[in-house]
Amino acid sequence: MNKLTSAKDAIELIKDGDVVAISGFMLATAADEIYATIEEKFLTTGSPKSLTLYQAAGISDYKTAGTLRLTHEGLLKRYVTGHFANNQAMISLVNNNKIECYNLPQGVICHLYRAAAAGKVGEITKVGLNTYMDPRQLGAKMNSVTTENIVELIDVLGEEHLLYKAPKFNIGLVRGTTADEHGNISFEEESSYIDALDVAMAVKACGGKVIAQVKNYVKSESMQRNKVHIPGVFVDKVVVCSDVEKHHRMTPGTVYDPVLAGYYKKDVAGFKGMALDNRKIIARRAAMELNANAVVNLGIGIPEGVASVASEEGFGNDLVLTIESGLIGGIPQGGNSFGSAVNSWASLPMTSQFDFYNGGGLDVTFLGFAEIDPKGNINVSKFGPKIAGCGGFIDISQCTKKIVFCGTLTAGGLVEEIVDGKLVIVNEGKQKKFLHDIEQITFSAEMVARFGQEVLIVTERCVFKYGSEGLTLIEVAPGIDIEKDIIGQMAYKPMISENLKTMDARLFSEAVMGLKDELK
């Protein structure tokens, strides 16, 4: 039953043309030493080659680790991912048609693993309808050499659904903390479970082989049953990491932190305060949409400021923040610790977290935006040669009843000041965000009415609300000229509410707003 082996011997299981699934979120549960060993063998021998790689979340340290090690022309034939994690080399391969590429919603890929694990044909869901996932648009294809249809439009009980087809997985690469000779894997020093179990089960159900990277190797007699997250029946080979600091980091910025692993709580672990600028104005106005004890998901960037405002207003502890990685409660971390949390209540497998999201478990989500067309369709995933990927954006935005999109009205050199309680535009942004045409539809305005969603777009100078006929301007900041500063900076004219209001004056003051007393 001894499954212990070296990384070099373990990767001999990988054959040319295999379909490989890997677990990970940034560097959490990412088997980086195995990736590095594959890279070394390919660069030396030219094999394994023509692999198909599946990953749900972005797996990277933005430098050299994670899937950056697997980004070589010839090593990959096809890349299926939820997010690119700023892997510029991979993005270049995609843009230059050197590999086939599909960008699927993060939660959908997680659920594809589960479908494969259960012997199902794939994931059947409404997530992605009328976005670029939909075969009536791009079918998730990211370049011209990608031609196979892996997403189909189907009818289920008279309603439209998408079928994301599950492939036959040959190899799974996962990571935990400790293994025994049977291959049982525990995760006591990981920031979350991510999708490691689902990857392992999917691969084994397809008759494939699973390789697990760990820090520790112990006798089975010492492995507690309630600590095992991946049972040994799903693991074929175990590799003990030879350089933990290099290849087995909890996050890009942390080798190991017991607080991020959930063993300890910090007495003081609040959010950083924000200076009064356009970002804080947006975060404040967005925070006005919160209710007491709301279960929330925050996007990257300006939306993260909502938690800072809530903390400043004295009700940060009344919110339940969640992260796509599977964490519930506590304080999500950013930067090099993105995907982890301090003082979290619990950690779910990432697939279960997306079950929660898909089932409407969130009260509200705050997301960013980059391009918006006249109907209210939004693009956050691709802009010419720049590819971010959708991540969990589509899963969350299509399944949450209340959505607040947050961002400045323009971008690129925008400079603004608050003077005497009024917003002053010192230098207008060069890039318009409200455009006639957008490259991809990452959020479908058509689905808003169908799903009964309440959707706002909050900018520093105005607020729009979604309606049956498109966007309606409902609030304007003091000091802002509607024609010049709003409509003049859009490629189209929105509808204007008959009850147009001035944005709350407290948004533009240094003083605390007193939002805690107004929570519903």
Protein backbone atom coordinates (compact mmCIF):
# COMPACT_ATOMS: atom_id res chain seq x y z
CA MET A 1 0.00 0.00 0.00
CA ASN A 2 3.04 2.30 0.16
CA LYS A 3 2.42 5.05 -2.39
CA LEU A 4 5.42 7.21 -1.58
CA THR A 5 7.61 8.14 -4.56
CA SER A 6 9.73 10.94 -5.96
CA ALA A 7 8.33 13.71 -8.12
CA LYS A 8 10.40 12.48 -11.08
CA ASP A 9 9.02 8.96 -10.80
CA ALA A 10 5.46 10.15 -10.16
CA ILE A 11 5.21 12.20 -13.35
CA GLU A 12 6.09 9.14 -15.43
CA LEU A 13 2.37 8.41 -15.10
CA ILE A 14 1.69 11.42 -17.37
CA LYS A 15 1.57 10.50 -21.05
CA ASP A 16 1.57 12.71 -24.12
CA GLY A 17 -1.92 13.99 -24.88
CA ASP A 18 -3.31 13.40 -21.38
CA VAL A 19 -6.09 15.51 -19.86
CA VAL A 20 -4.77 16.89 -16.58
CA ALA A 21 -6.79 18.53 -13.79
CA ILE A 22 -5.03 20.50 -11.07
CA SER A 23 -6.25 21.88 -7.77
CA GLY A 24 -5.41 25.34 -6.52
CA PHE A 25 -6.30 28.95 -5.77
CA MET A 26 -3.25 31.19 -6.13
CA LEU A 27 -0.78 28.81 -4.43
CA ALA A 28 -3.22 27.18 -1.99
CA THR A 29 -3.31 23.40 -2.68
CA ALA A 30 -1.12 23.93 -5.76
CA ALA A 31 1.34 21.07 -6.29
CA ASP A 32 4.12 23.38 -7.42
CA GLU A 33 7.03 20.92 -7.12
CA ILE A 34 5.21 18.52 -9.43
CA TYR A 35 4.60 21.36 -11.91
CA ALA A 36 8.30 22.25 -11.78
CA THR A 37 9.28 18.62 -12.36
CA ILE A 38 6.97 18.40 -15.38
CA GLU A 39 8.48 21.61 -16.73
CA GLU A 40 12.04 20.32 -16.30
CA LYS A 41 11.26 17.05 -18.05
CA PHE A 42 9.51 18.79 -20.94
CA LEU A 43 12.34 21.27 -21.49
CA THR A 44 14.86 18.42 -21.39
CA THR A 45 13.06 15.69 -23.34
CA GLY A 46 10.10 17.34 -25.08
CA SER A 47 7.67 15.19 -23.09
CA PRO A 48 5.00 15.17 -21.77
CA LYS A 49 3.50 17.17 -24.60
CA SER A 50 0.12 18.15 -26.05
CA LEU A 51 -1.55 18.09 -22.64
CA THR A 52 -5.02 19.45 -21.92
CA LEU A 53 -4.98 21.38 -18.64
CA TYR A 54 -8.05 22.10 -16.49
CA GLN A 55 -7.99 24.50 -13.54
CA ALA A 56 -10.89 26.28 -11.84
CA ALA A 57 -9.18 29.23 -10.16
CA GLY A 58 -6.08 31.20 -11.08
CA ILE A 59 -2.97 29.35 -9.86
CA SER A 60 0.03 31.66 -9.70
CA ASP A 61 2.32 33.82 -7.61
CA TYR A 62 2.50 36.33 -10.51
CA LYS A 63 6.20 35.45 -10.89
CA THR A 64 7.29 31.90 -11.71
CA ALA A 65 5.19 29.46 -9.69
CA GLY A 66 1.89 27.73 -10.38
CA THR A 67 0.74 27.29 -13.95
CA LEU A 68 3.46 29.65 -15.14
CA ARG A 69 5.71 26.57 -14.92
CA LEU A 70 3.45 24.74 -17.38
CA THR A 71 3.24 27.60 -19.86
CA HIS A 72 5.32 26.34 -22.77
CA GLU A 73 4.38 25.97 -26.41
CA GLY A 74 4.10 22.26 -27.13
CA LEU A 75 3.61 21.22 -23.52
CA LEU A 76 -0.02 22.29 -23.67
CA LYS A 77 -2.42 21.66 -26.51
CA ARG A 78 -5.53 22.99 -24.74
CA TYR A 79 -6.06 25.21 -21.71
CA VAL A 80 -9.37 25.34 -19.83
CA THR A 81 -9.40 27.82 -16.97
CA GLY A 82 -11.60 30.01 -14.85
CA HIS A 83 -9.02 32.78 -14.50
CA PHE A 84 -5.63 33.57 -16.04
CA ALA A 85 -4.10 35.13 -12.87
CA ASN A 86 -2.10 37.55 -15.00
CA ASN A 87 -0.14 34.74 -16.67
CA GLN A 88 1.14 36.89 -19.54
CA ALA A 89 2.99 34.02 -21.21
CA MET A 90 -0.20 31.95 -21.32
CA ILE A 91 -2.19 34.94 -22.57
CA SER A 92 0.36 35.37 -25.35
CA LEU A 93 0.01 31.72 -26.39
CA VAL A 94 -3.76 32.20 -26.54
CA ASN A 95 -3.62 35.47 -28.48
CA ASN A 96 -1.17 34.01 -30.99
CA ASN A 97 -3.27 30.87 -31.51
CA LYS A 98 -0.51 28.62 -30.17
CA ILE A 99 -2.94 26.68 -27.95
CA GLU A 100 -6.67 26.04 -27.81
CA CYS A 101 -8.32 27.84 -24.93
CA TYR A 102 -11.67 27.98 -23.16
CA ASN A 103 -12.49 30.32 -20.29
CA LEU A 104 -15.30 28.81 -18.19
CA PRO A 105 -16.84 30.12 -14.95
CA GLN A 106 -14.83 29.05 -11.92
CA GLY A 107 -17.79 27.39 -10.21
CA VAL A 108 -18.78 25.58 -13.38
CA ILE A 109 -15.34 23.97 -13.62
CA CYS A 110 -15.60 22.88 -9.98
CA HIS A 111 -18.97 21.34 -10.72
CA LEU A 112 -17.58 19.67 -13.85
CA TYR A 113 -15.22 17.77 -11.55
CA ARG A 114 -18.13 16.69 -9.41
CA ALA A 115 -20.12 15.64 -12.48
CA ALA A 116 -17.22 13.55 -13.74
CA ALA A 117 -16.82 12.03 -10.28
CA ALA A 118 -20.43 10.88 -10.44
CA GLY A 119 -20.12 9.51 -13.97
CA LYS A 120 -22.33 12.23 -15.46
CA VAL A 121 -22.06 13.73 -18.92
CA GLY A 122 -21.29 17.19 -17.55
CA GLU A 123 -22.66 20.17 -15.66
CA ILE A 124 -26.18 21.30 -16.56
CA THR A 125 -26.86 24.83 -15.33
CA LYS A 126 -28.26 28.24 -16.21
CA VAL A 127 -24.95 29.83 -15.24
CA GLY A 128 -23.51 31.46 -18.35
CA LEU A 129 -26.72 31.83 -20.36
CA ASN A 130 -26.55 34.87 -22.66
CA THR A 131 -22.89 35.48 -21.77
CA TYR A 132 -19.90 34.51 -23.88
CA MET A 133 -20.27 31.00 -22.43
CA ASP A 134 -23.43 30.61 -24.51
CA PRO A 135 -22.82 28.83 -27.87
CA ARG A 136 -25.02 31.49 -29.46
CA GLN A 137 -22.13 33.83 -28.66
CA LEU A 138 -18.60 32.40 -28.26
CA GLY A 139 -19.23 29.14 -26.45
CA ALA A 140 -16.34 30.10 -24.10
CA LYS A 141 -13.81 29.91 -26.96
CA MET A 142 -10.95 32.39 -26.58
CA ASN A 143 -9.29 32.27 -30.00
CA SER A 144 -9.74 31.10 -33.60
CA VAL A 145 -7.94 27.74 -33.26
CA THR A 146 -10.42 26.68 -30.57
CA THR A 147 -13.22 25.03 -32.53
CA GLU A 148 -14.67 22.10 -30.55
CA ASN A 149 -18.01 22.87 -28.91
CA ILE A 150 -17.71 21.93 -25.24
CA VAL A 151 -20.80 23.95 -24.25
CA GLU A 152 -24.26 23.19 -25.62
CA LEU A 153 -27.61 24.96 -25.28
CA ILE A 154 -30.24 22.46 -24.15
CA ASP A 155 -33.87 22.45 -23.01
CA VAL A 156 -34.71 21.13 -19.57
CA LEU A 157 -38.40 21.09 -18.65
CA GLY A 158 -39.10 23.89 -21.09
CA GLU A 159 -36.30 26.17 -19.88
CA GLU A 160 -32.95 27.02 -21.42
CA HIS A 161 -29.85 25.55 -19.79
CA LEU A 162 -26.23 25.13 -20.75
CA LEU A 163 -24.52 21.74 -20.79
CA TYR A 164 -20.80 22.00 -20.05
CA LYS A 165 -19.36 18.69 -21.21
CA ALA A 166 -17.08 16.79 -18.85
CA PRO A 167 -13.91 15.37 -20.44
CA LYS A 168 -12.26 12.09 -19.55
CA PHE A 169 -9.56 13.08 -17.09
CA ASN A 170 -6.32 11.07 -17.13
CA ILE A 171 -4.24 12.77 -14.43
CA GLY A 172 -4.99 14.74 -11.26
CA LEU A 173 -2.39 16.86 -9.46
CA VAL A 174 -3.44 17.88 -5.95
CA ARG A 175 -1.84 19.05 -2.72
CA GLY A 176 -2.42 18.58 0.97
CA THR A 177 -0.34 18.79 4.13
CA THR A 178 0.19 15.24 5.39
CA ALA A 179 -0.11 11.74 3.87
CA ASP A 180 0.16 8.22 5.19
CA GLU A 181 1.24 5.06 3.37
CA HIS A 182 -2.34 4.45 2.17
CA GLY A 183 -2.46 7.85 0.50
CA ASN A 184 -4.87 9.42 2.97
CA ILE A 185 -4.34 13.19 2.82
CA SER A 186 -5.02 15.82 5.50
CA PHE A 187 -5.07 19.60 5.00
CA GLU A 188 -4.20 20.97 8.44
CA GLU A 189 -1.73 23.57 7.15
CA GLU A 190 -3.65 24.76 4.09
CA SER A 191 -5.65 28.00 3.98
CA SER A 192 -8.68 26.13 2.60
CA TYR A 193 -9.61 22.85 0.92
CA ILE A 194 -10.10 24.49 -2.49
CA ASP A 195 -11.06 21.83 -5.11
CA ALA A 196 -8.51 19.13 -4.34
CA LEU A 197 -11.01 16.41 -3.35
CA ASP A 198 -13.22 17.07 -6.37
CA VAL A 199 -10.23 16.87 -8.74
CA ALA A 200 -9.10 13.58 -7.21
CA MET A 201 -12.56 12.00 -7.35
CA ALA A 202 -13.14 13.15 -10.93
CA VAL A 203 -9.87 11.68 -12.16
CA LYS A 204 -10.34 8.35 -10.39
CA ALA A 205 -13.90 8.03 -11.73
CA CYS A 206 -12.44 8.39 -15.23
CA GLY A 207 -9.91 5.63 -14.57
CA GLY A 208 -7.02 8.06 -14.25
CA LYS A 209 -4.15 8.50 -11.81
CA VAL A 210 -3.86 11.03 -8.97
CA ILE A 211 -0.58 12.41 -7.66
CA ALA A 212 -0.61 14.24 -4.33
CA GLN A 213 2.10 16.58 -3.05
CA VAL A 214 2.44 16.92 0.74
CA LYS A 215 4.80 18.30 3.38
CA ASN A 216 4.71 15.34 5.78
CA TYR A 217 4.60 11.55 5.53
CA VAL A 218 3.38 9.57 8.57
CA LYS A 219 2.18 6.12 9.56
CA SER A 220 -1.52 5.46 9.10
CA GLU A 221 -1.93 4.66 12.78
CA SER A 222 -1.25 8.30 13.56
CA MET A 223 -3.61 9.75 10.96
CA GLN A 224 -6.90 10.77 12.60
CA ARG A 225 -9.98 9.90 10.58
CA ASN A 226 -11.62 13.30 11.01
CA LYS A 227 -8.50 15.01 9.63
CA VAL A 228 -8.53 13.13 6.31
CA HIS A 229 -9.96 15.23 3.48
CA ILE A 230 -8.87 13.06 0.53
CA PRO A 231 -9.15 9.33 1.29
CA GLY A 232 -6.34 7.16 -0.01
CA VAL A 233 -8.66 5.33 -2.43
CA PHE A 234 -8.44 8.44 -4.62
CA VAL A 235 -4.64 8.75 -4.53
CA ASP A 236 -2.09 6.74 -6.52
CA LYS A 237 1.20 8.45 -5.73
CA VAL A 238 2.42 10.64 -2.87
CA VAL A 239 5.30 13.08 -3.28
CA VAL A 240 6.86 14.73 -0.21
CA CYS A 241 7.95 18.26 -1.11
CA SER A 242 11.71 18.72 -1.05
CA ASP A 243 11.66 22.51 -0.65
CA VAL A 244 8.59 23.74 1.23
CA GLU A 245 9.57 27.41 1.13
CA LYS A 246 9.84 27.30 -2.66
CA HIS A 247 7.21 24.77 -3.70
CA HIS A 248 4.66 24.40 -0.88
CA ARG A 249 3.67 27.91 0.13
CA MET A 250 0.30 28.57 1.72
CA THR A 251 0.04 31.83 -0.24
CA PRO A 252 2.50 33.70 -2.49
CA GLY A 253 3.40 35.84 0.53
CA THR A 254 3.33 33.18 3.26
CA VAL A 255 4.98 29.80 3.68
CA TYR A 256 2.71 28.99 6.62
CA ASP A 257 0.59 31.05 9.00
CA PRO A 258 -1.48 29.25 11.69
CA VAL A 259 -3.95 32.16 11.70
CA LEU A 260 -4.67 31.66 7.98
CA ALA A 261 -4.94 27.92 8.67
CA GLY A 262 -7.69 28.68 11.20
CA TYR A 263 -5.95 27.63 14.42
CA TYR A 264 -5.92 31.07 16.02
CA LYS A 265 -7.92 34.28 15.94
CA LYS A 266 -6.48 37.78 16.03
CA ASP A 267 -7.79 40.27 18.59
CA VAL A 268 -7.44 43.15 16.14
CA ALA A 269 -7.84 42.30 12.50
CA GLY A 270 -9.82 45.12 10.92
CA PHE A 271 -9.77 46.63 7.49
CA LYS A 272 -7.50 49.51 6.59
CA GLY A 273 -9.14 52.91 6.54
CA MET A 274 -9.59 54.78 3.26
CA ALA A 275 -8.74 58.37 2.43
CA LEU A 276 -11.65 60.45 1.17
CA ASP A 277 -11.33 60.05 -2.59
CA ASN A 278 -13.43 58.76 -5.48
CA ARG A 279 -12.87 55.13 -4.44
CA LYS A 280 -14.20 55.82 -0.95
CA ILE A 281 -17.22 57.68 -2.33
CA ILE A 282 -18.11 54.61 -4.39
CA ALA A 283 -17.50 52.21 -1.51
CA ARG A 284 -19.61 54.36 0.81
CA ARG A 285 -22.53 54.57 -1.60
CA ALA A 286 -22.33 50.83 -2.20
CA ALA A 287 -22.28 50.17 1.56
CA MET A 288 -25.60 51.97 1.83
CA GLU A 289 -27.11 48.92 0.12
CA LEU A 290 -26.15 46.62 3.01
CA ASN A 291 -28.47 45.12 5.58
CA ALA A 292 -27.52 43.95 9.05
CA ASN A 293 -26.02 40.45 9.11
CA ALA A 294 -25.81 40.38 5.31
CA VAL A 295 -23.96 37.48 3.70
CA VAL A 296 -21.66 39.13 1.20
CA ASN A 297 -19.13 38.47 -1.54
CA LEU A 298 -16.70 41.24 -2.52
CA GLY A 299 -14.97 41.52 -5.88
CA ILE A 300 -11.39 42.69 -6.29
CA GLY A 301 -10.53 46.39 -6.26
CA ILE A 302 -13.01 49.10 -5.33
CA PRO A 303 -15.59 46.56 -4.04
CA GLU A 304 -13.12 45.55 -1.33
CA GLY A 305 -13.52 49.07 0.04
CA VAL A 306 -17.09 48.26 1.08
CA ALA A 307 -15.74 46.20 3.99
CA SER A 308 -13.44 49.05 4.98
CA VAL A 309 -16.38 51.47 5.04
CA ALA A 310 -18.49 49.03 7.07
CA SER A 311 -15.66 48.73 9.59
CA GLU A 312 -15.27 52.51 9.81
CA GLU A 313 -19.02 52.88 10.30
CA GLY A 314 -18.95 50.37 13.15
CA PHE A 315 -20.82 47.44 11.63
CA GLY A 316 -18.02 45.46 9.97
CA ASN A 317 -18.59 42.63 12.44
CA ASP A 318 -22.25 42.51 11.44
CA LEU A 319 -21.37 41.30 7.94
CA VAL A 320 -20.60 37.72 6.94
CA LEU A 321 -17.97 37.93 4.23
CA THR A 322 -17.32 34.97 1.95
CA ILE A 323 -14.63 34.09 -0.59
CA GLU A 324 -14.83 31.87 -3.67
CA SER A 325 -12.00 29.75 -2.26
CA GLY A 326 -14.49 28.36 0.29
CA LEU A 327 -14.03 30.54 3.37
CA ILE A 328 -17.00 31.94 5.29
CA GLY A 329 -16.77 34.74 7.84
CA GLY A 330 -13.74 36.63 9.03
CA ILE A 331 -11.69 39.13 7.07
CA PRO A 332 -10.65 38.24 3.52
CA GLN A 333 -7.04 39.02 2.71
CA GLY A 334 -5.77 40.73 -0.40
CA GLY A 335 -2.48 41.08 -2.25
CA ASN A 336 -0.11 38.13 -1.77
CA SER A 337 -2.58 36.47 0.60
CA PHE A 338 -5.60 36.75 -1.70
CA GLY A 339 -7.97 33.81 -1.29
CA SER A 340 -7.28 33.36 2.42
CA ALA A 341 -8.92 34.97 5.45
CA VAL A 342 -8.20 35.93 9.03
CA ASN A 343 -10.68 34.85 11.74
CA SER A 344 -12.88 32.94 9.28
CA TRP A 345 -15.70 30.87 10.75
CA ALA A 346 -15.41 27.87 8.46
CA SER A 347 -13.85 26.49 5.32
CA LEU A 348 -15.88 24.69 2.67
CA PRO A 349 -14.57 22.91 -0.40
CA MET A 350 -14.68 25.45 -3.24
CA THR A 351 -17.30 23.37 -5.06
CA SER A 352 -19.62 23.55 -2.04
CA GLN A 353 -19.07 27.29 -1.81
CA PHE A 354 -20.31 27.62 -5.38
CA ASP A 355 -23.29 25.41 -4.50
CA PHE A 356 -24.07 28.04 -1.87
CA TYR A 357 -23.64 30.87 -4.37
CA ASN A 358 -25.61 29.10 -7.11
CA GLY A 359 -28.46 28.50 -4.70
CA GLY A 360 -28.81 32.21 -3.97
CA GLY A 361 -27.09 32.09 -0.59
CA LEU A 362 -25.60 35.56 -0.91
CA ASP A 363 -27.69 38.55 0.17
CA VAL A 364 -25.64 40.94 -1.95
CA THR A 365 -22.47 40.99 -4.01
CA PHE A 366 -20.26 43.95 -4.86
CA LEU A 367 -18.40 43.56 -8.14
CA GLY A 368 -16.27 45.70 -10.42
CA PHE A 369 -16.99 46.62 -14.02
CA ALA A 370 -14.90 47.65 -17.01
CA GLU A 371 -17.20 48.05 -20.04
CA ILE A 372 -20.99 48.51 -20.15
CA ASP A 373 -23.14 48.68 -23.28
CA PRO A 374 -26.51 50.50 -23.65
CA LYS A 375 -28.49 47.43 -22.55
CA GLY A 376 -26.41 47.08 -19.40
CA ASN A 377 -24.32 44.09 -20.54
CA ILE A 378 -20.93 44.15 -18.80
CA ASN A 379 -17.47 42.99 -19.85
CA VAL A 380 -14.79 42.27 -17.26
CA SER A 381 -13.05 39.34 -18.95
CA LYS A 382 -11.30 40.35 -22.19
CA PHE A 383 -10.16 43.61 -23.79
CA GLY A 384 -8.32 43.04 -27.04
CA PRO A 385 -5.05 41.30 -26.13
CA LYS A 386 -5.69 41.75 -22.41
CA ILE A 387 -7.35 38.67 -20.91
CA ALA A 388 -8.33 38.42 -17.27
CA GLY A 389 -10.90 35.64 -17.41
CA CYS A 390 -14.26 35.55 -15.71
CA GLY A 391 -13.26 33.72 -12.50
CA GLY A 392 -16.31 33.42 -10.26
CA PHE A 393 -17.90 36.59 -11.67
CA ILE A 394 -20.52 34.83 -13.82
CA ASP A 395 -21.46 32.24 -11.18
CA ILE A 396 -21.95 34.96 -8.57
CA SER A 397 -23.55 37.68 -10.69
CA GLN A 398 -26.15 35.37 -12.22
CA CYS A 399 -27.18 33.77 -8.94
CA THR A 400 -27.35 36.69 -6.50
CA LYS A 401 -30.59 38.67 -6.22
CA LYS A 402 -28.90 42.00 -5.37
CA ILE A 403 -25.81 43.16 -7.25
CA VAL A 404 -23.93 46.42 -6.88
CA PHE A 405 -21.36 47.08 -9.61
CA CYS A 406 -18.68 49.53 -8.43
CA GLY A 407 -16.28 51.65 -10.44
CA THR A 408 -15.36 55.11 -11.67
CA LEU A 409 -17.29 56.45 -14.67
CA THR A 410 -14.11 56.81 -16.74
CA ALA A 411 -10.56 55.47 -16.41
CA GLY A 412 -7.05 56.29 -17.50
CA GLY A 413 -5.67 59.42 -15.89
CA LEU A 414 -8.84 60.34 -14.00
CA VAL A 415 -8.14 62.87 -11.24
CA GLU A 416 -10.90 64.07 -8.91
CA GLU A 417 -11.11 66.06 -5.70
CA ILE A 418 -13.76 66.72 -3.07
CA VAL A 419 -14.05 70.45 -2.39
CA ASP A 420 -16.61 71.87 0.04
CA GLY A 421 -18.75 68.74 -0.18
CA LYS A 422 -18.77 68.67 -3.98
CA LEU A 423 -17.03 66.40 -6.47
CA VAL A 424 -14.63 68.26 -8.74
CA ILE A 425 -13.21 66.62 -11.87
CA VAL A 426 -9.65 67.93 -12.20
CA ASN A 427 -8.67 65.71 -15.13
CA GLU A 428 -11.17 63.51 -16.98
CA GLY A 429 -10.27 59.89 -17.68
CA LYS A 430 -9.21 59.09 -21.24
CA GLN A 431 -11.05 55.77 -21.37
CA LYS A 432 -14.81 55.60 -21.54
CA LYS A 433 -16.39 52.60 -19.88
CA PHE A 434 -19.95 53.08 -21.16
CA LEU A 435 -19.59 51.97 -24.78
CA HIS A 436 -21.85 51.11 -27.72
CA ASP A 437 -20.18 47.71 -28.16
CA ILE A 438 -18.25 45.48 -25.77
CA GLU A 439 -15.97 42.60 -26.68
CA GLN A 440 -17.47 39.95 -24.41
CA ILE A 441 -20.63 39.73 -22.33
CA THR A 442 -19.57 38.61 -18.87
CA PHE A 443 -22.80 39.84 -17.27
CA SER A 444 -26.03 39.61 -19.25
CA ALA A 445 -28.58 42.37 -18.77
CA GLU A 446 -31.18 40.14 -20.41
CA MET A 447 -31.01 37.77 -17.46
CA VAL A 448 -31.74 40.47 -14.85
CA ALA A 449 -35.49 40.47 -15.38
CA ARG A 450 -35.56 36.71 -15.95
CA PHE A 451 -33.87 36.05 -12.60
CA GLY A 452 -35.66 38.89 -10.77
CA GLN A 453 -32.45 40.66 -9.78
CA GLU A 454 -31.97 44.13 -8.34
CA VAL A 455 -28.91 45.71 -9.96
CA LEU A 456 -27.19 49.05 -9.39
CA ILE A 457 -24.11 50.64 -10.95
CA VAL A 458 -22.41 52.93 -8.46
CA THR A 459 -19.82 55.43 -9.67
CA GLU A 460 -18.23 58.37 -7.94
CA ARG A 461 -20.42 60.86 -9.77
CA CYS A 462 -23.71 59.07 -10.32
CA VAL A 463 -25.77 55.93 -9.76
CA PHE A 464 -27.64 53.90 -12.40
CA LYS A 465 -30.38 51.34 -11.91
CA TYR A 466 -31.21 48.50 -14.26
CA GLY A 467 -34.69 48.52 -15.76
CA SER A 468 -36.61 46.73 -18.49
CA GLU A 469 -35.38 49.21 -21.10
CA GLY A 470 -31.77 49.55 -20.01
CA LEU A 471 -29.92 51.83 -17.60
CA THR A 472 -31.64 54.67 -15.77
CA LEU A 473 -29.74 57.49 -14.08
CA ILE A 474 -31.20 57.82 -10.56
CA GLU A 475 -28.60 59.84 -8.57
CA VAL A 476 -26.04 62.54 -9.36
CA ALA A 477 -23.20 63.83 -7.18
CA PRO A 478 -23.27 67.45 -6.03
CA GLY A 479 -21.16 69.62 -8.32
CA ILE A 480 -21.59 67.36 -11.34
CA ASP A 481 -23.03 68.59 -14.65
CA ILE A 482 -25.22 65.81 -16.09
CA GLU A 483 -24.69 66.66 -19.75
CA LYS A 484 -20.96 67.37 -19.55
CA ASP A 485 -19.70 65.05 -16.82
CA ILE A 486 -22.00 62.05 -17.25
CA ILE A 487 -23.72 61.84 -20.64
CA GLY A 488 -20.76 63.56 -22.30
CA GLN A 489 -18.47 60.79 -20.99
CA MET A 490 -20.69 57.97 -22.26
CA ALA A 491 -21.04 56.66 -25.81
CA TYR A 492 -24.82 56.67 -25.41
CA LYS A 493 -27.49 58.50 -23.46
CA PRO A 494 -29.11 56.62 -20.59
CA MET A 495 -32.64 57.15 -19.43
CA ILE A 496 -33.01 59.72 -16.68
CA SER A 497 -35.32 59.07 -13.75
CA GLU A 498 -38.24 61.43 -13.21
CA ASN A 499 -37.25 61.31 -9.54
CA LEU A 500 -33.56 62.05 -10.09
CA LYS A 501 -31.87 62.62 -6.73
CA THR A 502 -28.66 64.17 -5.50
CA MET A 503 -26.27 61.65 -3.98
CA ASP A 504 -26.18 61.74 -0.17
CA ALA A 505 -24.07 64.71 1.00
CA ARG A 506 -22.47 62.55 3.69
CA LEU A 507 -20.61 60.62 0.98
CA PHE A 508 -18.46 63.68 0.33
CA SER A 509 -17.57 64.52 3.94
CA GLU A 510 -14.67 63.37 6.11
CA ALA A 511 -17.08 62.61 8.95
CA VAL A 512 -18.44 59.12 9.63
CA MET A 513 -21.80 58.75 7.89
CA GLY A 514 -23.69 57.02 10.69
CA LEU A 515 -24.76 54.10 8.50
CA LYS A 516 -24.90 51.66 11.41
CA ASP A 517 -28.04 53.33 12.74
CA GLU A 518 -29.72 52.98 9.35
CA LEU A 519 -29.12 49.26 8.78
CA LYS A 520 -32.27 47.30 8.07
